[in-house]
Amino acid sequence: MTLARSLPDDATEWWIFLGAFGLYMLGRWFFAWRQARREGDAHPVRTAFAEEEEPDAVDAAPTGGFRSYRQFSGFVAGAVIVTLAAALTDGRLRVALLWVIVPLLIVALSYLDFRQARKARSAA
């Protein structure tokens, strides 16, 4: 018996993973675009895309893959919420809850990452 999962065998699972990654990137881009518009940038779209290309703007992660304890706490809390929703519900309610909760958690994590990167840029 093994608890580890292999790579998805079904194309639907790949689309779910790609959709989660795309939603995360779209959230990061949206928050950068909104910040550039608030600051009165002449080209907020260009600024939002250029934000991800600055390698020296973000410091190395101090612990593991997380840059702050907020990111780690957000990841753990999100995993606990998804696990509870999946374990305590069944059928259509489970599907509906996960289709609502998971995108909200992904956008929240992208916002935490955006804030961390913005803080690192302003400190530099």
Protein backbone atom coordinates (compact mmCIF):
# COMPACT_ATOMS: atom_id res chain seq x y z
CA MET A 1 0.00 0.00 0.00
CA THR A 2 1.29 3.42 -0.89
CA LEU A 3 -0.04 6.86 -0.08
CA ALA A 4 1.94 8.73 -2.72
CA ARG A 5 0.12 9.66 -5.90
CA SER A 6 1.64 9.30 -9.31
CA LEU A 7 1.26 11.80 -12.10
CA PRO A 8 -2.31 12.13 -13.37
CA ASP A 9 -3.43 9.49 -15.84
CA ASP A 10 -6.47 11.40 -17.00
CA ALA A 11 -6.41 14.56 -19.10
CA THR A 12 -9.03 16.10 -16.83
CA GLU A 13 -6.67 15.99 -13.87
CA TRP A 14 -3.96 17.69 -15.93
CA TRP A 15 -6.42 20.45 -16.85
CA ILE A 16 -7.26 20.91 -13.17
CA PHE A 17 -3.57 21.28 -12.26
CA LEU A 18 -2.95 23.64 -15.15
CA GLY A 19 -6.07 25.62 -14.26
CA ALA A 20 -4.90 26.03 -10.66
CA PHE A 21 -1.49 27.22 -11.84
CA GLY A 22 -3.10 29.56 -14.38
CA LEU A 23 -5.43 31.00 -11.74
CA TYR A 24 -2.45 31.63 -9.46
CA MET A 25 -0.53 33.43 -12.23
CA LEU A 26 -3.61 35.40 -13.26
CA GLY A 27 -4.10 36.48 -9.64
CA ARG A 28 -0.46 37.61 -9.34
CA TRP A 29 -0.70 39.52 -12.62
CA PHE A 30 -3.99 41.15 -11.61
CA PHE A 31 -2.64 42.35 -8.27
CA ALA A 32 0.49 43.76 -9.96
CA TRP A 33 -1.62 45.47 -12.63
CA ARG A 34 -3.94 46.98 -10.03
CA GLN A 35 -0.96 48.26 -8.01
CA ALA A 36 0.57 49.83 -11.13
CA ARG A 37 -2.72 51.57 -11.93
CA ARG A 38 -2.99 52.92 -8.39
CA GLU A 39 0.54 54.31 -8.64
CA GLY A 40 -0.37 56.09 -11.88
CA ASP A 41 1.92 54.12 -14.17
CA ALA A 42 1.54 55.01 -17.85
CA HIS A 43 1.70 51.33 -18.91
CA PRO A 44 0.30 49.18 -16.09
CA VAL A 45 0.10 46.03 -18.22
CA ARG A 46 3.76 46.26 -19.16
CA THR A 47 4.68 46.91 -15.54
CA ALA A 48 2.63 43.94 -14.34
CA PHE A 49 4.40 41.58 -16.74
CA ALA A 50 7.82 43.09 -15.98
CA GLU A 51 7.32 42.49 -12.25
CA GLU A 52 7.94 38.77 -12.60
CA GLU A 53 11.16 39.32 -14.56
CA GLU A 54 13.11 41.01 -11.75
CA PRO A 55 15.18 38.21 -10.19
CA ASP A 56 17.00 40.41 -7.64
CA ALA A 57 13.75 41.89 -6.31
CA VAL A 58 12.91 38.76 -4.32
CA ASP A 59 15.29 37.40 -1.71
CA ALA A 60 15.99 33.73 -1.23
CA ALA A 61 13.48 31.82 0.84
CA PRO A 62 14.60 31.75 4.50
CA THR A 63 12.85 28.49 5.39
CA GLY A 64 11.94 25.79 2.93
CA GLY A 65 10.02 27.00 -0.09
CA PHE A 66 8.21 29.77 1.75
CA ARG A 67 9.40 33.36 2.03
CA SER A 68 7.51 34.14 5.21
CA TYR A 69 5.54 32.51 7.97
CA ARG A 70 2.37 34.07 6.53
CA GLN A 71 2.86 32.15 3.31
CA PHE A 72 3.51 28.94 5.22
CA SER A 73 0.49 29.53 7.48
CA GLY A 74 -1.69 30.32 4.46
CA PHE A 75 -0.59 27.15 2.72
CA VAL A 76 -1.20 24.98 5.80
CA ALA A 77 -4.56 26.60 6.58
CA GLY A 78 -5.64 26.17 2.95
CA ALA A 79 -4.64 22.51 2.99
CA VAL A 80 -6.55 21.95 6.24
CA ILE A 81 -9.67 23.68 4.89
CA VAL A 82 -9.63 21.66 1.66
CA THR A 83 -9.03 18.42 3.57
CA LEU A 84 -11.89 19.12 5.97
CA ALA A 85 -14.25 20.05 3.15
CA ALA A 86 -13.34 16.87 1.26
CA ALA A 87 -13.51 14.61 4.32
CA LEU A 88 -16.69 15.94 5.92
CA THR A 89 -18.86 16.25 2.82
CA ASP A 90 -19.97 13.92 0.08
CA GLY A 91 -21.48 14.04 -3.38
CA ARG A 92 -22.62 17.29 -4.93
CA LEU A 93 -21.96 19.29 -1.77
CA ARG A 94 -18.29 18.24 -1.81
CA VAL A 95 -17.91 19.19 -5.46
CA ALA A 96 -19.64 22.54 -4.95
CA LEU A 97 -17.59 23.40 -1.86
CA LEU A 98 -14.30 22.48 -3.48
CA TRP A 99 -15.15 24.40 -6.66
CA VAL A 100 -15.73 27.49 -4.49
CA ILE A 101 -13.09 27.07 -1.78
CA VAL A 102 -10.09 26.03 -3.87
CA PRO A 103 -10.12 29.01 -6.29
CA LEU A 104 -10.56 31.41 -3.37
CA LEU A 105 -7.60 29.86 -1.58
CA ILE A 106 -5.44 30.00 -4.71
CA VAL A 107 -6.19 33.69 -5.20
CA ALA A 108 -5.52 34.36 -1.51
CA LEU A 109 -2.13 32.64 -1.74
CA SER A 110 -1.26 34.61 -4.88
CA TYR A 111 -2.13 37.80 -2.99
CA LEU A 112 0.16 36.79 -0.11
CA ASP A 113 2.97 36.15 -2.60
CA PHE A 114 2.31 39.48 -4.32
CA ARG A 115 2.46 41.35 -1.02
CA GLN A 116 5.72 39.61 -0.09
CA ALA A 117 7.30 40.51 -3.45
CA ARG A 118 6.05 44.10 -3.17
CA LYS A 119 7.55 44.39 0.31
CA ALA A 120 10.89 43.04 -0.93
CA ARG A 121 10.90 45.53 -3.84
CA SER A 122 10.14 48.48 -1.58
CA ALA A 123 12.90 47.47 0.87
CA ALA A 124 15.48 47.29 -1.94
